[in-house]
C-alpha atoms as a PDB file:
ATOM      1  CA  MET A   1       0.000   0.000   0.000  1.00  0.00           C
ATOM      2  CA  LYS A   2       1.250   3.453  -0.820  1.00  0.00           C
ATOM      3  CA  GLN A   3       2.575   5.252   2.219  1.00  0.00           C
ATOM      4  CA  LEU A   4       1.434   8.652   3.378  1.00  0.00           C
ATOM      5  CA  VAL A   5       3.347  11.297   1.486  1.00  0.00           C
ATOM      6  CA  ILE A   6       5.320  13.999   3.281  1.00  0.00           C
ATOM      7  CA  ILE A   7       6.271  16.690   0.813  1.00  0.00           C
ATOM      8  CA  LEU A   8       9.553  18.497   1.401  1.00  0.00           C
ATOM      9  CA  LEU A   9       9.532  22.206   0.852  1.00  0.00           C
ATOM     10  CA  ILE A  10      13.311  22.378   0.744  1.00  0.00           C
ATOM     11  CA  SER A  11      13.200  23.141  -2.979  1.00  0.00           C
ATOM     12  CA  LEU A  12      11.169  26.276  -2.216  1.00  0.00           C
ATOM     13  CA  LEU A  13      13.935  27.960  -0.257  1.00  0.00           C
ATOM     14  CA  PRO A  14      14.115  31.490  -1.643  1.00  0.00           C
ATOM     15  CA  ALA A  15      17.092  32.209  -3.859  1.00  0.00           C
ATOM     16  CA  ILE A  16      18.162  35.335  -2.024  1.00  0.00           C
ATOM     17  CA  LEU A  17      21.322  36.195  -0.233  1.00  0.00           C
ATOM     18  CA  VAL A  18      21.309  35.472   3.479  1.00  0.00           C
ATOM     19  CA  ALA A  19      23.987  35.599   6.088  1.00  0.00           C
ATOM     20  CA  GLN A  20      26.587  32.904   5.478  1.00  0.00           C
ATOM     21  CA  ASN A  21      26.201  31.465   8.969  1.00  0.00           C
ATOM     22  CA  GLU A  22      22.427  31.055   8.604  1.00  0.00           C
ATOM     23  CA  ARG A  23      22.803  29.534   5.158  1.00  0.00           C
ATOM     24  CA  LYS A  24      25.309  27.054   6.521  1.00  0.00           C
ATOM     25  CA  HIS A  25      22.861  25.787   9.159  1.00  0.00           C
ATOM     26  CA  VAL A  26      20.036  25.478   6.618  1.00  0.00           C
ATOM     27  CA  ARG A  27      22.236  23.557   4.173  1.00  0.00           C
ATOM     28  CA  SER A  28      23.460  21.301   6.968  1.00  0.00           C
ATOM     29  CA  GLY A  29      19.876  20.613   8.110  1.00  0.00           C
ATOM     30  CA  ASN A  30      18.749  19.895   4.540  1.00  0.00           C
ATOM     31  CA  LYS A  31      21.650  17.516   3.990  1.00  0.00           C
ATOM     32  CA  ILE A  32      20.945  15.562   7.168  1.00  0.00           C
ATOM     33  CA  TYR A  33      17.218  15.482   6.410  1.00  0.00           C
ATOM     34  CA  GLN A  34      17.620  14.283   2.816  1.00  0.00           C
ATOM     35  CA  LYS A  35      20.052  11.549   3.843  1.00  0.00           C
ATOM     36  CA  ALA A  36      17.656  10.292   6.530  1.00  0.00           C
ATOM     37  CA  VAL A  37      14.728  10.303   4.098  1.00  0.00           C
ATOM     38  CA  LYS A  38      16.641   8.229   1.529  1.00  0.00           C
ATOM     39  CA  ASP A  39      17.102   5.410   4.054  1.00  0.00           C
ATOM     40  CA  THR A  40      13.755   3.657   3.648  1.00  0.00           C
ATOM     41  CA  THR A  41      14.751   0.738   5.895  1.00  0.00           C
ATOM     42  CA  LYS A  42      14.178   2.732   9.062  1.00  0.00           C
ATOM     43  CA  ILE A  43      13.151   6.096  10.438  1.00  0.00           C
ATOM     44  CA  ASP A  44      16.295   7.634  11.858  1.00  0.00           C
ATOM     45  CA  THR A  45      14.741   9.930  14.446  1.00  0.00           C
ATOM     46  CA  ALA A  46      18.196  10.864  15.727  1.00  0.00           C
ATOM     47  CA  ALA A  47      19.128  12.204  12.272  1.00  0.00           C
ATOM     48  CA  PHE A  48      15.901  14.206  12.054  1.00  0.00           C
ATOM     49  CA  ALA A  49      16.635  15.561  15.517  1.00  0.00           C
ATOM     50  CA  ARG A  50      20.009  16.814  14.271  1.00  0.00           C
ATOM     51  CA  ALA A  51      18.319  18.417  11.263  1.00  0.00           C
ATOM     52  CA  GLU A  52      15.867  20.090  13.647  1.00  0.00           C
ATOM     53  CA  THR A  53      18.780  21.494  15.619  1.00  0.00           C
ATOM     54  CA  GLU A  54      20.325  22.997  12.469  1.00  0.00           C
ATOM     55  CA  TYR A  55      17.049  24.574  11.394  1.00  0.00           C
ATOM     56  CA  ARG A  56      16.555  26.089  14.830  1.00  0.00           C
ATOM     57  CA  LYS A  57      20.048  27.587  14.707  1.00  0.00           C
ATOM     58  CA  ALA A  58      19.158  29.320  11.459  1.00  0.00           C
ATOM     59  CA  LEU A  59      15.773  30.429  12.819  1.00  0.00           C
ATOM     60  CA  ASN A  60      17.469  32.011  15.813  1.00  0.00           C
ATOM     61  CA  LYS A  61      18.762  34.592  13.362  1.00  0.00           C
ATOM     62  CA  LYS A  62      15.638  34.747  11.228  1.00  0.00           C
ATOM     63  CA  PRO A  63      12.655  33.319  13.200  1.00  0.00           C
ATOM     64  CA  THR A  64       9.941  34.442  10.785  1.00  0.00           C
ATOM     65  CA  ASP A  65      11.268  32.648   7.707  1.00  0.00           C
ATOM     66  CA  LYS A  66       8.307  30.619   6.409  1.00  0.00           C
ATOM     67  CA  TYR A  67      10.325  28.085   4.458  1.00  0.00           C
ATOM     68  CA  TRP A  68      12.773  27.260   7.190  1.00  0.00           C
ATOM     69  CA  ASN A  69       9.879  26.897   9.606  1.00  0.00           C
ATOM     70  CA  PHE A  70       8.277  24.508   7.139  1.00  0.00           C
ATOM     71  CA  ASN A  71      11.422  22.371   7.047  1.00  0.00           C
ATOM     72  CA  LEU A  72      11.562  22.488  10.849  1.00  0.00           C
ATOM     73  CA  ALA A  73       7.963  21.267  11.031  1.00  0.00           C
ATOM     74  CA  ASP A  74       8.852  18.404   8.676  1.00  0.00           C
ATOM     75  CA  ALA A  75      11.784  17.419  10.908  1.00  0.00           C
ATOM     76  CA  ILE A  76       9.516  17.477  13.959  1.00  0.00           C
ATOM     77  CA  TYR A  77       6.961  15.327  12.127  1.00  0.00           C
ATOM     78  CA  LYS A  78       9.625  12.758  11.267  1.00  0.00           C
ATOM     79  CA  GLN A  79      10.323  12.390  14.977  1.00  0.00           C
ATOM     80  CA  ASN A  80       6.688  11.344  15.525  1.00  0.00           C
ATOM     81  CA  ARG A  81       5.854  14.556  17.377  1.00  0.00           C
ATOM     82  CA  PHE A  82       2.656  14.874  15.385  1.00  0.00           C
ATOM     83  CA  GLU A  83       0.780  17.261  17.667  1.00  0.00           C
ATOM     84  CA  GLU A  84       3.665  19.731  17.688  1.00  0.00           C
ATOM     85  CA  ALA A  85       4.137  19.422  13.926  1.00  0.00           C
ATOM     86  CA  ALA A  86       0.429  20.022  13.321  1.00  0.00           C
ATOM     87  CA  GLY A  87       0.613  23.212  15.365  1.00  0.00           C
ATOM     88  CA  LYS A  88       3.459  24.600  13.243  1.00  0.00           C
ATOM     89  CA  PHE A  89       1.829  23.600   9.936  1.00  0.00           C
ATOM     90  CA  SER A  90      -1.409  25.225  11.069  1.00  0.00           C
ATOM     91  CA  GLU A  91       0.434  28.475  11.749  1.00  0.00           C
ATOM     92  CA  LEU A  92       2.232  28.312   8.393  1.00  0.00           C
ATOM     93  CA  ALA A  93      -1.019  27.710   6.519  1.00  0.00           C
ATOM     94  CA  GLU A  94      -2.152  31.187   7.533  1.00  0.00           C
ATOM     95  CA  GLN A  95       1.119  32.733   6.353  1.00  0.00           C
ATOM     96  CA  MET A  96       1.466  31.145   2.918  1.00  0.00           C
ATOM     97  CA  THR A  97       0.017  33.153   0.026  1.00  0.00           C
ATOM     98  CA  ASN A  98       1.081  31.071  -2.964  1.00  0.00           C
ATOM     99  CA  PRO A  99      -1.644  28.455  -3.690  1.00  0.00           C
ATOM    100  CA  VAL A 100       0.833  25.621  -4.346  1.00  0.00           C
ATOM    101  CA  GLU A 101       2.818  26.368  -1.199  1.00  0.00           C
ATOM    102  CA  LYS A 102      -0.384  26.705   0.833  1.00  0.00           C
ATOM    103  CA  ALA A 103      -1.599  23.376  -0.544  1.00  0.00           C
ATOM    104  CA  ARG A 104       1.631  21.670   0.552  1.00  0.00           C
ATOM    105  CA  VAL A 105       1.304  23.048   4.054  1.00  0.00           C
ATOM    106  CA  TYR A 106      -2.296  21.818   4.322  1.00  0.00           C
ATOM    107  CA  HIS A 107      -1.186  18.453   2.932  1.00  0.00           C
ATOM    108  CA  ASN A 108       1.401  18.039   5.675  1.00  0.00           C
ATOM    109  CA  LEU A 109      -1.026  19.367   8.274  1.00  0.00           C
ATOM    110  CA  GLY A 110      -3.443  16.626   7.196  1.00  0.00           C
ATOM    111  CA  ASN A 111      -0.680  14.021   7.544  1.00  0.00           C
ATOM    112  CA  SER A 112       0.153  15.212  11.060  1.00  0.00           C
ATOM    113  CA  GLN A 113      -3.495  15.104  12.094  1.00  0.00           C
ATOM    114  CA  LEU A 114      -4.038  11.693  10.562  1.00  0.00           C
ATOM    115  CA  MET A 115      -1.009  10.231  12.320  1.00  0.00           C
ATOM    116  CA  ASN A 116      -2.377  11.708  15.552  1.00  0.00           C
ATOM    117  CA  GLN A 117      -5.667   9.793  15.034  1.00  0.00           C
ATOM    118  CA  LYS A 118      -7.591  12.978  14.212  1.00  0.00           C
ATOM    119  CA  ILE A 119      -9.229  11.616  11.089  1.00  0.00           C
ATOM    120  CA  ASP A 120     -11.976  14.205  10.681  1.00  0.00           C
ATOM    121  CA  GLU A 121      -9.505  17.077  10.978  1.00  0.00           C
ATOM    122  CA  SER A 122      -7.134  15.459   8.471  1.00  0.00           C
ATOM    123  CA  ILE A 123      -9.928  15.064   5.932  1.00  0.00           C
ATOM    124  CA  GLU A 124     -10.719  18.781   6.180  1.00  0.00           C
ATOM    125  CA  SER A 125      -7.025  19.693   5.781  1.00  0.00           C
ATOM    126  CA  TYR A 126      -6.674  17.533   2.658  1.00  0.00           C
ATOM    127  CA  LYS A 127      -9.781  19.166   1.208  1.00  0.00           C
ATOM    128  CA  LYS A 128      -8.306  22.602   1.879  1.00  0.00           C
ATOM    129  CA  ALA A 129      -5.113  21.511   0.126  1.00  0.00           C
ATOM    130  CA  LEU A 130      -7.065  20.366  -2.917  1.00  0.00           C
ATOM    131  CA  ARG A 131      -8.951  23.653  -3.068  1.00  0.00           C
ATOM    132  CA  GLN A 132      -5.570  25.340  -3.473  1.00  0.00           C
ATOM    133  CA  ASN A 133      -4.147  22.719  -5.832  1.00  0.00           C
ATOM    134  CA  PRO A 134      -6.914  20.466  -7.240  1.00  0.00           C
ATOM    135  CA  ASN A 135      -4.545  18.327  -9.331  1.00  0.00           C
ATOM    136  CA  ASP A 136      -2.295  17.128  -6.489  1.00  0.00           C
ATOM    137  CA  LEU A 137      -2.411  13.319  -6.765  1.00  0.00           C
ATOM    138  CA  GLU A 138      -0.671  12.639  -3.438  1.00  0.00           C
ATOM    139  CA  THR A 139      -3.229  14.731  -1.589  1.00  0.00           C
ATOM    140  CA  LYS A 140      -6.074  12.991  -3.437  1.00  0.00           C
ATOM    141  CA  TYR A 141      -4.653   9.633  -2.362  1.00  0.00           C
ATOM    142  CA  ASN A 142      -4.237  10.714   1.265  1.00  0.00           C
ATOM    143  CA  LEU A 143      -7.775  12.123   1.307  1.00  0.00           C
ATOM    144  CA  ALA A 144      -9.168   8.832  -0.017  1.00  0.00           C
ATOM    145  CA  TYR A 145      -7.117   6.927   2.548  1.00  0.00           C
ATOM    146  CA  ALA A 146      -8.379   9.103   5.408  1.00  0.00           C
ATOM    147  CA  GLN A 147     -11.969   8.730   4.200  1.00  0.00           C
ATOM    148  CA  LEU A 148     -11.505   4.951   4.111  1.00  0.00           C
ATOM    149  CA  LEU A 149     -10.249   5.013   7.700  1.00  0.00           C
ATOM    150  CA  LYS A 150     -13.254   7.143   8.635  1.00  0.00           C
ATOM    151  CA  LYS A 151     -15.610   4.609   7.052  1.00  0.00           C
ATOM    152  CA  GLN A 152     -13.913   1.740   8.859  1.00  0.00           C
ATOM    153  CA  GLN A 153     -14.133   3.684  12.111  1.00  0.00           C
ATOM    154  CA  GLN A 154     -17.857   4.238  11.604  1.00  0.00           C
ATOM    155  CA  GLN A 155     -18.367   0.547  10.832  1.00  0.00           C
ATOM    156  CA  GLN A 156     -16.495  -0.390  13.988  1.00  0.00           C
ATOM    157  CA  GLN A 157     -18.591   2.009  16.011  1.00  0.00           C
ATOM    158  CA  GLN A 158     -21.778   0.591  14.492  1.00  0.00           C
ATOM    159  CA  GLN A 159     -20.620  -2.954  15.227  1.00  0.00           C
ATOM    160  CA  LYS A 160     -19.739  -1.940  18.776  1.00  0.00           C
ATOM    161  CA  GLN A 161     -23.179  -0.369  19.199  1.00  0.00           C
ATOM    162  CA  GLN A 162     -24.832  -3.487  17.810  1.00  0.00           C
ATOM    163  CA  ASN A 163     -22.849  -5.646  20.218  1.00  0.00           C
ATOM    164  CA  GLN A 164     -23.836  -3.378  23.096  1.00  0.00           C
ATOM    165  CA  ASP A 165     -27.495  -3.523  22.040  1.00  0.00           C
ATOM    166  CA  GLN A 166     -27.266  -7.311  21.719  1.00  0.00           C
ATOM    167  CA  ASP A 167     -25.684  -7.605  25.151  1.00  0.00           C
ATOM    168  CA  LYS A 168     -28.350  -5.275  26.530  1.00  0.00           C
ATOM    169  CA  ASN A 169     -31.109  -7.422  25.000  1.00  0.00           C
ATOM    170  CA  GLN A 170     -29.485 -10.582  26.316  1.00  0.00           C
ATOM    171  CA  ASN A 171     -29.238  -9.066  29.775  1.00  0.00           C
ATOM    172  CA  LYS A 172     -32.876  -8.001  29.488  1.00  0.00           C
ATOM    173  CA  ASP A 173     -33.893 -11.526  28.443  1.00  0.00           C
ATOM    174  CA  GLN A 174     -31.858 -12.992  31.296  1.00  0.00           C
ATOM    175  CA  GLN A 175     -33.497 -10.608  33.743  1.00  0.00           C
ATOM    176  CA  GLN A 176     -36.928 -11.519  32.401  1.00  0.00           C
ATOM    177  CA  GLN A 177     -36.071 -15.206  32.707  1.00  0.00           C
ATOM    178  CA  GLN A 178     -34.838 -14.664  36.247  1.00  0.00           C
ATOM    179  CA  ASN A 179     -38.041 -12.808  37.074  1.00  0.00           C
ATOM    180  CA  GLN A 180     -40.084 -15.625  35.541  1.00  0.00           C
ATOM    181  CA  ASP A 181     -38.087 -18.210  37.481  1.00  0.00           C
ATOM    182  CA  GLN A 182     -38.661 -16.239  40.657  1.00  0.00           C
ATOM    183  CA  GLN A 183     -42.370 -16.013  39.907  1.00  0.00           C
ATOM    184  CA  ASN A 184     -42.509 -19.762  39.315  1.00  0.00           C
ATOM    185  CA  LYS A 185     -40.589 -20.311  42.518  1.00  0.00           C
ATOM    186  CA  ASP A 186     -42.986 -18.073  44.427  1.00  0.00           C
ATOM    187  CA  GLN A 187     -45.958 -19.827  42.854  1.00  0.00           C
ATOM    188  CA  ASN A 188     -44.542 -23.231  43.763  1.00  0.00           C
ATOM    189  CA  LYS A 189     -43.948 -21.994  47.307  1.00  0.00           C
ATOM    190  CA  ASP A 190     -47.521 -20.699  47.504  1.00  0.00           C
ATOM    191  CA  GLN A 191     -48.812 -23.979  46.115  1.00  0.00           C
ATOM    192  CA  GLN A 192     -46.815 -25.928  48.661  1.00  0.00           C
ATOM    193  CA  GLN A 193     -48.140 -23.729  51.449  1.00  0.00           C
ATOM    194  CA  GLN A 194     -51.676 -24.211  50.177  1.00  0.00           C
ATOM    195  CA  ASN A 195     -51.151 -27.978  49.981  1.00  0.00           C
ATOM    196  CA  GLN A 196     -49.791 -28.016  53.526  1.00  0.00           C
ATOM    197  CA  GLN A 197     -52.725 -25.977  54.775  1.00  0.00           C
ATOM    198  CA  ARG A 198     -55.130 -28.256  52.915  1.00  0.00           C
ATOM    199  CA  GLN A 199     -53.466 -31.329  54.342  1.00  0.00           C
ATOM    200  CA  GLN A 200     -53.551 -29.871  57.813  1.00  0.00           C
ATOM    201  CA  ALA A 201     -57.239 -29.052  57.376  1.00  0.00           C
ATOM    202  CA  GLN A 202     -57.944 -32.561  56.110  1.00  0.00           C
ATOM    203  CA  ASN A 203     -56.045 -34.040  59.029  1.00  0.00           C
ATOM    204  CA  LYS A 204     -58.018 -31.848  61.427  1.00  0.00           C
ATOM    205  CA  ILE A 205     -61.294 -32.851  59.807  1.00  0.00           C
ATOM    206  CA  SER A 206     -60.326 -36.519  59.982  1.00  0.00           C
ATOM    207  CA  LYS A 207     -59.453 -36.162  63.671  1.00  0.00           C
ATOM    208  CA  ASP A 208     -62.718 -34.382  64.395  1.00  0.00           C
ATOM    209  CA  ASN A 209     -64.633 -37.037  62.487  1.00  0.00           C
ATOM    210  CA  ALA A 210     -62.871 -39.742  64.425  1.00  0.00           C
ATOM    211  CA  GLU A 211     -63.689 -38.080  67.717  1.00  0.00           C
ATOM    212  CA  GLN A 212     -67.301 -37.631  66.669  1.00  0.00           C
ATOM    213  CA  LEU A 213     -67.494 -41.244  65.588  1.00  0.00           C
ATOM    214  CA  LEU A 214     -65.928 -42.390  68.822  1.00  0.00           C
ATOM    215  CA  GLN A 215     -68.352 -40.249  70.788  1.00  0.00           C
ATOM    216  CA  ALA A 216     -71.248 -41.693  68.793  1.00  0.00           C
ATOM    217  CA  LEU A 217     -70.041 -45.210  69.469  1.00  0.00           C
ATOM    218  CA  GLN A 218     -69.669 -44.440  73.143  1.00  0.00           C
ATOM    219  CA  ASN A 219     -73.182 -43.013  73.209  1.00  0.00           C
ATOM    220  CA  ASP A 220     -74.560 -46.056  71.413  1.00  0.00           C
ATOM    221  CA  GLU A 221     -72.737 -48.330  73.825  1.00  0.00           C
ATOM    222  CA  LYS A 222     -74.145 -46.421  76.795  1.00  0.00           C
ATOM    223  CA  ASN A 223     -77.628 -46.624  75.373  1.00  0.00           C
ATOM    224  CA  ILE A 224     -77.227 -50.289  74.826  1.00  0.00           C
ATOM    225  CA  GLN A 225     -75.927 -50.752  78.346  1.00  0.00           C
ATOM    226  CA  ASP A 226     -78.821 -48.723  79.729  1.00  0.00           C
ATOM    227  CA  LYS A 227     -81.268 -50.838  77.785  1.00  0.00           C
ATOM    228  CA  VAL A 228     -79.634 -54.005  78.984  1.00  0.00           C
ATOM    229  CA  LYS A 229     -79.674 -52.806  82.586  1.00  0.00           C
ATOM    230  CA  LYS A 230     -83.280 -51.768  82.241  1.00  0.00           C
ATOM    231  CA  LYS A 231     -84.224 -55.094  80.738  1.00  0.00           C
ATOM    232  CA  GLN A 232     -82.343 -56.913  83.489  1.00  0.00           C
ATOM    233  CA  ALA A 233     -84.211 -54.912  86.121  1.00  0.00           C
ATOM    234  CA  ILE A 234     -87.567 -55.791  84.592  1.00  0.00           C
ATOM    235  CA  GLU A 235     -86.646 -59.450  84.466  1.00  0.00           C
ATOM    236  CA  ALA A 236     -85.516 -59.423  88.059  1.00  0.00           C
ATOM    237  CA  LYS A 237     -88.728 -57.774  89.178  1.00  0.00           C
ATOM    238  CA  ARG A 238     -90.782 -60.275  87.238  1.00  0.00           C
ATOM    239  CA  GLN A 239     -88.924 -63.160  88.760  1.00  0.00           C
ATOM    240  CA  LYS A 240     -89.501 -61.753  92.213  1.00  0.00           C
ATOM    241  CA  VAL A 241     -93.239 -61.390  91.681  1.00  0.00           C
ATOM    242  CA  GLU A 242     -93.542 -64.816  90.240  1.00  0.00           C
ATOM    243  CA  LYS A 243     -91.617 -66.273  93.135  1.00  0.00           C
ATOM    244  CA  GLU A 244     -93.813 -64.620  95.749  1.00  0.00           C
ATOM    245  CA  TRP A 245     -96.881 -65.819  94.018  1.00  0.00           C
END
């Protein structure tokens, strides 16, 4: 996959006479920077740090130079200090008047924002670059790449939301099932209590019936005994009368 493009503005250094000491630092920084960029096997942050030092030495003499500040911002970017680089590119974007130069600044601002996970901001910066230079292919590529990342991010967010909704529904179903289980448990408990009460009532009724039956039997037995005693008394009286006669 094509890598994000960082455009060097070294070629835009103005062809005017500057103090020899300042020019020496700029040339030294450019040389270190270009050598580090050519080594595609690694990112030599130490080399870019040395280039940064050279640019800062030149800017100590001429701090408002737009082009040297641009090269400094590039060196900072190469050291993965994306937030700091974005701040400098944002300042430079307001200073550049040439459309092509302004487009390059916005391009690099977009790169810094994208590498700092600020996808929406990078997309806007790339669009601003293309408004200044509509035919820039590298910026078109980076814009498409950022938009693809944005789409993937949205899909991930949607999937995350769906998973959260699914988990929420599952938790809701589990809660409903737990509530139903509790209701069934309560119903079973109530049924058991009712059965126990019914059994106790039946046992009480059976006991009462037994007592009533026993009492009835005792009454019948007493009646029978009374009848027998009465009959025996009559017989005894009869025998006595007959004997006296």
